[in-house]
PDB file of N, CA and C in Angstrom:
ATOM      1  N   MET A   1     162.458 203.479  44.960  1.00  0.00           N
ATOM      2  CA  MET A   1     163.128 202.328  44.570  1.00  0.00           C
ATOM      3  C   MET A   1     164.909 202.742  45.218  1.00  0.00           C
ATOM      4  N   ASN A   2     165.448 201.794  45.717  1.00  0.00           N
ATOM      5  CA  ASN A   2     166.281 202.048  46.662  1.00  0.00           C
ATOM      6  C   ASN A   2     167.816 201.726  45.471  1.00  0.00           C
ATOM      7  N   ASN A   3     168.448 202.562  45.000  1.00  0.00           N
ATOM      8  CA  ASN A   3     169.351 202.042  44.335  1.00  0.00           C
ATOM      9  C   ASN A   3     170.978 202.826  45.077  1.00  0.00           C
ATOM     10  N   GLU A   4     170.845 202.440  46.063  1.00  0.00           N
ATOM     11  CA  GLU A   4     171.687 202.492  47.029  1.00  0.00           C
ATOM     12  C   GLU A   4     173.028 201.194  46.534  1.00  0.00           C
ATOM     13  N   ILE A   5     174.374 201.541  46.322  1.00  0.00           N
ATOM     14  CA  ILE A   5     175.278 200.875  45.483  1.00  0.00           C
ATOM     15  C   ILE A   5     176.500 200.722  46.732  1.00  0.00           C
ATOM     16  N   ASN A   6     176.272 199.301  47.285  1.00  0.00           N
ATOM     17  CA  ASN A   6     177.499 199.183  48.643  1.00  0.00           C
ATOM     18  C   ASN A   6     178.396 198.291  48.475  1.00  0.00           C
ATOM     19  N   SER A   7     177.951 197.273  47.112  1.00  0.00           N
ATOM     20  CA  SER A   7     178.922 196.680  46.722  1.00  0.00           C
ATOM     21  C   SER A   7     179.119 196.433  45.389  1.00  0.00           C
ATOM     22  N   LEU A   8     179.981 195.687  44.762  1.00  0.00           N
ATOM     23  CA  LEU A   8     180.254 195.524  43.234  1.00  0.00           C
ATOM     24  C   LEU A   8     178.915 194.358  42.849  1.00  0.00           C
ATOM     25  N   LYS A   9     178.718 193.347  44.126  1.00  0.00           N
ATOM     26  CA  LYS A   9     177.465 192.625  43.497  1.00  0.00           C
ATOM     27  C   LYS A   9     176.225 193.853  43.739  1.00  0.00           C
ATOM     28  N   ASP A  10     175.837 194.715  44.309  1.00  0.00           N
ATOM     29  CA  ASP A  10     174.854 195.524  44.132  1.00  0.00           C
ATOM     30  C   ASP A  10     175.193 196.479  42.908  1.00  0.00           C
ATOM     31  N   LEU A  11     176.454 196.604  42.512  1.00  0.00           N
ATOM     32  CA  LEU A  11     176.464 197.237  41.144  1.00  0.00           C
ATOM     33  C   LEU A  11     176.120 196.339  40.012  1.00  0.00           C
ATOM     34  N   TYR A  12     177.022 195.243  39.762  1.00  0.00           N
ATOM     35  CA  TYR A  12     176.564 193.922  38.903  1.00  0.00           C
ATOM     36  C   TYR A  12     174.402 194.218  39.017  1.00  0.00           C
ATOM     37  N   ASN A  13     173.887 194.139  39.976  1.00  0.00           N
ATOM     38  CA  ASN A  13     172.879 193.732  39.580  1.00  0.00           C
ATOM     39  C   ASN A  13     172.068 194.801  39.127  1.00  0.00           C
ATOM     40  N   LEU A  14     172.432 195.972  39.777  1.00  0.00           N
ATOM     41  CA  LEU A  14     171.800 197.219  39.006  1.00  0.00           C
ATOM     42  C   LEU A  14     172.431 197.512  37.573  1.00  0.00           C
ATOM     43  N   LEU A  15     172.955 196.558  37.133  1.00  0.00           N
ATOM     44  CA  LEU A  15     173.447 197.041  35.644  1.00  0.00           C
ATOM     45  C   LEU A  15     172.941 195.588  35.067  1.00  0.00           C
ATOM     46  N   LEU A  16     172.742 194.621  35.859  1.00  0.00           N
ATOM     47  CA  LEU A  16     172.289 193.309  35.450  1.00  0.00           C
ATOM     48  C   LEU A  16     171.231 193.365  33.575  1.00  0.00           C
ATOM     49  N   PRO A  17     170.345 194.506  33.359  1.00  0.00           N
ATOM     50  CA  PRO A  17     169.504 194.921  32.586  1.00  0.00           C
ATOM     51  C   PRO A  17     170.240 194.617  31.009  1.00  0.00           C
ATOM     52  N   ALA A  18     171.485 195.864  31.312  1.00  0.00           N
ATOM     53  CA  ALA A  18     172.576 196.192  30.695  1.00  0.00           C
ATOM     54  C   ALA A  18     172.892 195.022  29.948  1.00  0.00           C
ATOM     55  N   LEU A  19     173.716 194.305  30.862  1.00  0.00           N
ATOM     56  CA  LEU A  19     174.530 193.158  30.912  1.00  0.00           C
ATOM     57  C   LEU A  19     173.222 192.168  29.736  1.00  0.00           C
ATOM     58  N   LYS A  20     172.756 191.415  30.142  1.00  0.00           N
ATOM     59  CA  LYS A  20     171.408 190.565  29.675  1.00  0.00           C
ATOM     60  C   LYS A  20     170.944 191.537  28.173  1.00  0.00           C
ATOM     61  N   SER A  21     171.397 192.746  28.178  1.00  0.00           N
ATOM     62  CA  SER A  21     171.056 192.752  26.890  1.00  0.00           C
ATOM     63  C   SER A  21     171.740 192.768  25.721  1.00  0.00           C
ATOM     64  N   LYS A  22     173.312 192.939  26.287  1.00  0.00           N
ATOM     65  CA  LYS A  22     174.765 192.581  25.440  1.00  0.00           C
ATOM     66  C   LYS A  22     175.005 191.673  25.397  1.00  0.00           C
ATOM     67  N   ARG A  23     174.591 190.446  26.165  1.00  0.00           N
ATOM     68  CA  ARG A  23     174.600 188.942  26.171  1.00  0.00           C
ATOM     69  C   ARG A  23     173.210 188.439  24.600  1.00  0.00           C
ATOM     70  N   ARG A  24     172.259 189.464  24.870  1.00  0.00           N
ATOM     71  CA  ARG A  24     171.363 188.478  23.724  1.00  0.00           C
ATOM     72  C   ARG A  24     171.943 189.393  22.636  1.00  0.00           C
ATOM     73  N   GLU A  25     172.646 190.457  22.279  1.00  0.00           N
ATOM     74  CA  GLU A  25     173.254 190.973  21.071  1.00  0.00           C
ATOM     75  C   GLU A  25     174.315 189.711  20.925  1.00  0.00           C
ATOM     76  N   MET A  26     174.848 189.536  21.918  1.00  0.00           N
ATOM     77  CA  MET A  26     176.441 188.637  21.199  1.00  0.00           C
ATOM     78  C   MET A  26     175.853 187.249  21.052  1.00  0.00           C
ATOM     79  N   ASN A  27     174.695 186.584  21.512  1.00  0.00           N
ATOM     80  CA  ASN A  27     174.142 185.298  21.435  1.00  0.00           C
ATOM     81  C   ASN A  27     173.756 185.388  19.824  1.00  0.00           C
ATOM     82  N   SER A  28     173.052 186.231  19.283  1.00  0.00           N
ATOM     83  CA  SER A  28     172.437 186.378  18.115  1.00  0.00           C
ATOM     84  C   SER A  28     173.424 186.617  17.116  1.00  0.00           C
ATOM     85  N   LEU A  29     174.664 187.065  17.647  1.00  0.00           N
ATOM     86  CA  LEU A  29     175.849 187.416  16.631  1.00  0.00           C
ATOM     87  C   LEU A  29     176.564 185.936  16.612  1.00  0.00           C
ATOM     88  N   LYS A  30     176.268 185.056  17.418  1.00  0.00           N
ATOM     89  CA  LYS A  30     176.926 183.346  17.328  1.00  0.00           C
ATOM     90  C   LYS A  30     178.009 183.271  18.292  1.00  0.00           C
ATOM     91  N   TYR A  31     177.658 184.322  19.512  1.00  0.00           N
ATOM     92  CA  TYR A  31     178.991 184.435  20.337  1.00  0.00           C
ATOM     93  C   TYR A  31     178.167 183.486  21.477  1.00  0.00           C
ATOM     94  N   THR A  32     177.723 182.476  21.631  1.00  0.00           N
ATOM     95  CA  THR A  32     176.732 181.707  22.314  1.00  0.00           C
ATOM     96  C   THR A  32     177.461 181.371  23.427  1.00  0.00           C
ATOM     97  N   TYR A  33     178.526 180.880  23.789  1.00  0.00           N
ATOM     98  CA  TYR A  33     179.281 180.981  24.825  1.00  0.00           C
ATOM     99  C   TYR A  33     179.458 182.165  25.850  1.00  0.00           C
ATOM    100  N   VAL A  34     178.927 183.019  25.417  1.00  0.00           N
ATOM    101  CA  VAL A  34     179.489 184.372  26.008  1.00  0.00           C
ATOM    102  C   VAL A  34     177.971 184.615  27.327  1.00  0.00           C
ATOM    103  N   LYS A  35     178.165 184.580  28.766  1.00  0.00           N
ATOM    104  CA  LYS A  35     177.779 185.171  29.762  1.00  0.00           C
ATOM    105  C   LYS A  35     177.491 186.531  30.060  1.00  0.00           C
ATOM    106  N   GLU A  36     176.417 187.005  30.891  1.00  0.00           N
ATOM    107  CA  GLU A  36     176.273 188.276  31.511  1.00  0.00           C
ATOM    108  C   GLU A  36     177.656 188.448  32.284  1.00  0.00           C
ATOM    109  N   ILE A  37     178.246 187.467  33.729  1.00  0.00           N
ATOM    110  CA  ILE A  37     179.165 187.386  34.407  1.00  0.00           C
ATOM    111  C   ILE A  37     180.621 187.798  33.212  1.00  0.00           C
ATOM    112  N   ASP A  38     180.784 187.397  31.994  1.00  0.00           N
ATOM    113  CA  ASP A  38     182.090 187.390  31.487  1.00  0.00           C
ATOM    114  C   ASP A  38     181.781 188.619  30.921  1.00  0.00           C
ATOM    115  N   ILE A  39     181.165 189.434  30.143  1.00  0.00           N
ATOM    116  CA  ILE A  39     180.732 190.669  29.885  1.00  0.00           C
ATOM    117  C   ILE A  39     181.023 191.476  31.129  1.00  0.00           C
ATOM    118  N   TRP A  40     180.408 191.486  32.174  1.00  0.00           N
ATOM    119  CA  TRP A  40     181.041 192.190  33.455  1.00  0.00           C
ATOM    120  C   TRP A  40     182.472 191.989  33.968  1.00  0.00           C
ATOM    121  N   ASN A  41     183.193 190.979  33.867  1.00  0.00           N
ATOM    122  CA  ASN A  41     184.629 190.814  34.127  1.00  0.00           C
ATOM    123  C   ASN A  41     185.651 191.621  33.304  1.00  0.00           C
ATOM    124  N   TYR A  42     184.562 191.368  31.544  1.00  0.00           N
ATOM    125  CA  TYR A  42     185.505 191.881  30.701  1.00  0.00           C
ATOM    126  C   TYR A  42     185.789 193.205  30.749  1.00  0.00           C
ATOM    127  N   ILE A  43     184.626 193.942  31.114  1.00  0.00           N
ATOM    128  CA  ILE A  43     184.831 195.164  31.008  1.00  0.00           C
ATOM    129  C   ILE A  43     185.218 195.938  32.174  1.00  0.00           C
ATOM    130  N   LYS A  44     184.978 194.754  33.898  1.00  0.00           N
ATOM    131  CA  LYS A  44     185.660 195.817  34.780  1.00  0.00           C
ATOM    132  C   LYS A  44     187.275 195.707  34.662  1.00  0.00           C
ATOM    133  N   GLU A  45     187.533 194.400  34.237  1.00  0.00           N
ATOM    134  CA  GLU A  45     188.946 194.209  34.075  1.00  0.00           C
ATOM    135  C   GLU A  45     189.679 195.003  33.274  1.00  0.00           C
ATOM    136  N   ASN A  46     189.330 194.981  32.059  1.00  0.00           N
ATOM    137  CA  ASN A  46     189.206 196.207  30.628  1.00  0.00           C
ATOM    138  C   ASN A  46     189.258 197.585  30.371  1.00  0.00           C
ATOM    139  N   ILE A  47     188.047 197.753  30.956  1.00  0.00           N
ATOM    140  CA  ILE A  47     187.503 198.969  30.481  1.00  0.00           C
ATOM    141  C   ILE A  47     187.748 200.362  31.698  1.00  0.00           C
ATOM    142  N   TRP A  48     186.992 199.277  32.857  1.00  0.00           N
ATOM    143  CA  TRP A  48     186.860 200.204  34.124  1.00  0.00           C
ATOM    144  C   TRP A  48     187.864 200.428  35.083  1.00  0.00           C
ATOM    145  N   GLN A  49     188.986 199.443  34.993  1.00  0.00           N
ATOM    146  CA  GLN A  49     189.988 199.088  36.127  1.00  0.00           C
ATOM    147  C   GLN A  49     190.915 200.481  36.598  1.00  0.00           C
ATOM    148  N   ASN A  50     190.868 201.357  35.442  1.00  0.00           N
ATOM    149  CA  ASN A  50     191.571 202.725  35.898  1.00  0.00           C
ATOM    150  C   ASN A  50     190.954 203.996  35.976  1.00  0.00           C
ATOM    151  N   SER A  51     189.079 203.177  35.661  1.00  0.00           N
ATOM    152  CA  SER A  51     188.545 204.812  35.986  1.00  0.00           C
ATOM    153  C   SER A  51     187.991 205.063  37.364  1.00  0.00           C
ATOM    154  N   THR A  52     187.366 206.388  37.223  1.00  0.00           N
ATOM    155  CA  THR A  52     187.297 207.222  38.282  1.00  0.00           C
ATOM    156  C   THR A  52     186.071 207.908  37.999  1.00  0.00           C
ATOM    157  N   ASN A  53     184.879 208.213  38.952  1.00  0.00           N
ATOM    158  CA  ASN A  53     184.022 208.969  39.121  1.00  0.00           C
ATOM    159  C   ASN A  53     183.185 208.453  37.893  1.00  0.00           C
ATOM    160  N   LEU A  54     182.698 207.001  37.575  1.00  0.00           N
ATOM    161  CA  LEU A  54     181.784 206.679  36.256  1.00  0.00           C
ATOM    162  C   LEU A  54     180.379 207.013  37.070  1.00  0.00           C
ATOM    163  N   THR A  55     179.341 207.495  35.849  1.00  0.00           N
ATOM    164  CA  THR A  55     178.275 207.384  36.100  1.00  0.00           C
ATOM    165  C   THR A  55     177.338 206.144  35.934  1.00  0.00           C
ATOM    166  N   LEU A  56     176.305 205.908  36.196  1.00  0.00           N
ATOM    167  CA  LEU A  56     175.659 204.142  36.062  1.00  0.00           C
ATOM    168  C   LEU A  56     175.357 204.745  34.232  1.00  0.00           C
ATOM    169  N   GLY A  57     175.013 205.964  33.825  1.00  0.00           N
ATOM    170  CA  GLY A  57     174.751 205.727  32.166  1.00  0.00           C
ATOM    171  C   GLY A  57     176.376 205.714  31.747  1.00  0.00           C
ATOM    172  N   ASP A  58     177.465 206.170  32.059  1.00  0.00           N
ATOM    173  CA  ASP A  58     178.861 205.505  31.556  1.00  0.00           C
ATOM    174  C   ASP A  58     179.048 203.770  31.628  1.00  0.00           C
ATOM    175  N   MET A  59     178.588 203.617  32.401  1.00  0.00           N
ATOM    176  CA  MET A  59     178.486 201.996  32.468  1.00  0.00           C
ATOM    177  C   MET A  59     177.859 201.619  31.450  1.00  0.00           C
ATOM    178  N   VAL A  60     176.482 201.937  31.360  1.00  0.00           N
ATOM    179  CA  VAL A  60     175.727 201.006  30.809  1.00  0.00           C
ATOM    180  C   VAL A  60     176.092 201.696  29.247  1.00  0.00           C
ATOM    181  N   SER A  61     176.627 202.697  28.963  1.00  0.00           N
ATOM    182  CA  SER A  61     176.889 202.981  27.646  1.00  0.00           C
ATOM    183  C   SER A  61     178.212 202.118  27.427  1.00  0.00           C
ATOM    184  N   ASP A  62     179.337 201.679  28.396  1.00  0.00           N
ATOM    185  CA  ASP A  62     180.378 200.842  28.010  1.00  0.00           C
ATOM    186  C   ASP A  62     179.979 199.635  28.222  1.00  0.00           C
ATOM    187  N   ILE A  63     178.958 198.902  28.510  1.00  0.00           N
ATOM    188  CA  ILE A  63     178.497 197.849  28.301  1.00  0.00           C
ATOM    189  C   ILE A  63     177.941 197.481  26.988  1.00  0.00           C
ATOM    190  N   LEU A  64     177.064 198.582  26.709  1.00  0.00           N
ATOM    191  CA  LEU A  64     176.475 198.514  25.234  1.00  0.00           C
ATOM    192  C   LEU A  64     177.459 198.556  24.114  1.00  0.00           C
ATOM    193  N   ASN A  65     178.065 199.642  24.382  1.00  0.00           N
ATOM    194  CA  ASN A  65     179.078 199.720  23.013  1.00  0.00           C
ATOM    195  C   ASN A  65     180.698 199.046  22.992  1.00  0.00           C
ATOM    196  N   THR A  66     180.734 198.626  24.080  1.00  0.00           N
ATOM    197  CA  THR A  66     181.904 197.783  23.855  1.00  0.00           C
ATOM    198  C   THR A  66     182.166 196.689  22.619  1.00  0.00           C
ATOM    199  N   ASP A  67     183.179 196.795  22.188  1.00  0.00           N
ATOM    200  CA  ASP A  67     183.158 195.601  20.329  1.00  0.00           C
ATOM    201  C   ASP A  67     183.087 193.939  20.889  1.00  0.00           C
ATOM    202  N   ASN A  68     182.110 193.693  20.304  1.00  0.00           N
ATOM    203  CA  ASN A  68     181.710 192.121  20.918  1.00  0.00           C
ATOM    204  C   ASN A  68     182.933 191.597  20.667  1.00  0.00           C
ATOM    205  N   ASP A  69     184.037 191.663  19.373  1.00  0.00           N
ATOM    206  CA  ASP A  69     184.914 190.827  18.991  1.00  0.00           C
ATOM    207  C   ASP A  69     185.568 190.920  20.876  1.00  0.00           C
ATOM    208  N   LEU A  70     186.129 192.090  21.028  1.00  0.00           N
ATOM    209  CA  LEU A  70     187.154 192.080  21.845  1.00  0.00           C
ATOM    210  C   LEU A  70     186.471 191.005  23.065  1.00  0.00           C
ATOM    211  N   ILE A  71     185.250 191.360  23.305  1.00  0.00           N
ATOM    212  CA  ILE A  71     184.356 190.596  24.713  1.00  0.00           C
ATOM    213  C   ILE A  71     184.891 189.222  24.169  1.00  0.00           C
ATOM    214  N   GLY A  72     184.079 188.484  23.285  1.00  0.00           N
ATOM    215  CA  GLY A  72     184.263 187.391  22.730  1.00  0.00           C
ATOM    216  C   GLY A  72     185.839 186.560  22.681  1.00  0.00           C
ATOM    217  N   GLY A  73     186.857 187.234  22.442  1.00  0.00           N
ATOM    218  CA  GLY A  73     188.237 186.875  22.389  1.00  0.00           C
ATOM    219  C   GLY A  73     188.479 186.682  23.544  1.00  0.00           C
ATOM    220  N   TYR A  74     188.242 187.720  24.794  1.00  0.00           N
ATOM    221  CA  TYR A  74     188.311 187.689  26.065  1.00  0.00           C
ATOM    222  C   TYR A  74     187.841 186.351  26.811  1.00  0.00           C
ATOM    223  N   VAL A  75     186.806 185.912  26.230  1.00  0.00           N
ATOM    224  CA  VAL A  75     186.108 184.910  26.697  1.00  0.00           C
ATOM    225  C   VAL A  75     186.607 183.432  26.148  1.00  0.00           C
ATOM    226  N   ALA A  76     187.004 183.751  25.041  1.00  0.00           N
ATOM    227  CA  ALA A  76     187.397 182.492  24.606  1.00  0.00           C
ATOM    228  C   ALA A  76     188.994 182.489  25.088  1.00  0.00           C
ATOM    229  N   ARG A  77     189.687 183.019  25.827  1.00  0.00           N
ATOM    230  CA  ARG A  77     190.632 183.222  26.196  1.00  0.00           C
ATOM    231  C   ARG A  77     190.884 182.585  27.673  1.00  0.00           C
ATOM    232  N   GLN A  78     189.758 182.720  28.063  1.00  0.00           N
ATOM    233  CA  GLN A  78     189.767 182.530  29.200  1.00  0.00           C
ATOM    234  C   GLN A  78     189.196 180.998  29.612  1.00  0.00           C
ATOM    235  N   ILE A  79     188.620 180.081  28.446  1.00  0.00           N
ATOM    236  CA  ILE A  79     188.193 178.902  28.109  1.00  0.00           C
ATOM    237  C   ILE A  79     189.412 178.448  27.940  1.00  0.00           C
ATOM    238  N   THR A  80     189.959 178.680  27.224  1.00  0.00           N
ATOM    239  CA  THR A  80     191.197 178.115  26.864  1.00  0.00           C
ATOM    240  C   THR A  80     192.092 177.568  28.037  1.00  0.00           C
ATOM    241  N   GLU A  81     192.536 178.920  29.099  1.00  0.00           N
ATOM    242  CA  GLU A  81     193.268 178.961  30.242  1.00  0.00           C
ATOM    243  C   GLU A  81     192.927 177.839  31.127  1.00  0.00           C
ATOM    244  N   SER A  82     191.594 178.015  31.087  1.00  0.00           N
ATOM    245  CA  SER A  82     190.656 176.844  32.385  1.00  0.00           C
ATOM    246  C   SER A  82     190.435 175.592  31.699  1.00  0.00           C
ATOM    247  N   ARG A  83     190.806 175.516  30.891  1.00  0.00           N
ATOM    248  CA  ARG A  83     190.911 174.336  30.258  1.00  0.00           C
ATOM    249  C   ARG A  83     192.202 173.741  30.348  1.00  0.00           C
ATOM    250  N   THR A  84     193.175 174.526  29.836  1.00  0.00           N
ATOM    251  CA  THR A  84     194.801 174.125  30.196  1.00  0.00           C
ATOM    252  C   THR A  84     195.088 173.983  31.560  1.00  0.00           C
ATOM    253  N   ASN A  85     194.591 174.594  32.473  1.00  0.00           N
ATOM    254  CA  ASN A  85     195.011 174.536  34.087  1.00  0.00           C
ATOM    255  C   ASN A  85     194.318 173.190  34.221  1.00  0.00           C
ATOM    256  N   LEU A  86     193.116 172.670  33.878  1.00  0.00           N
ATOM    257  CA  LEU A  86     192.493 171.645  34.391  1.00  0.00           C
ATOM    258  C   LEU A  86     193.431 170.579  33.958  1.00  0.00           C
ATOM    259  N   HIS A  87     194.095 170.326  32.438  1.00  0.00           N
ATOM    260  CA  HIS A  87     195.145 169.261  32.090  1.00  0.00           C
ATOM    261  C   HIS A  87     196.425 169.151  32.850  1.00  0.00           C
ATOM    262  N   GLU A  88     196.799 170.601  33.418  1.00  0.00           N
ATOM    263  CA  GLU A  88     197.793 170.275  34.294  1.00  0.00           C
ATOM    264  C   GLU A  88     197.928 169.700  35.716  1.00  0.00           C
ATOM    265  N   GLU A  89     196.949 169.882  35.853  1.00  0.00           N
ATOM    266  CA  GLU A  89     196.650 169.616  37.363  1.00  0.00           C
ATOM    267  C   GLU A  89     196.656 167.986  37.575  1.00  0.00           C
TER     268      GLU A  89
END
């Protein structure tokens, strides 16, 4: 199996099983509006932004252990901002 990572898309796809697991966990806790890409964006922007030399194990751990309320709040804010921007145009 070739796990060469050449882009963020490759990394996303490699981490997709962990992202799906987190989404299923969050959906069972009534965060039904959260998708894998939302979890990815939250962690990328808020957890990994200034990190260096992360291993895949570190990233999987971050995905699975990030507080659901933090991700849920982030996604809710993104939805609200998106709706606000639509109304302003």
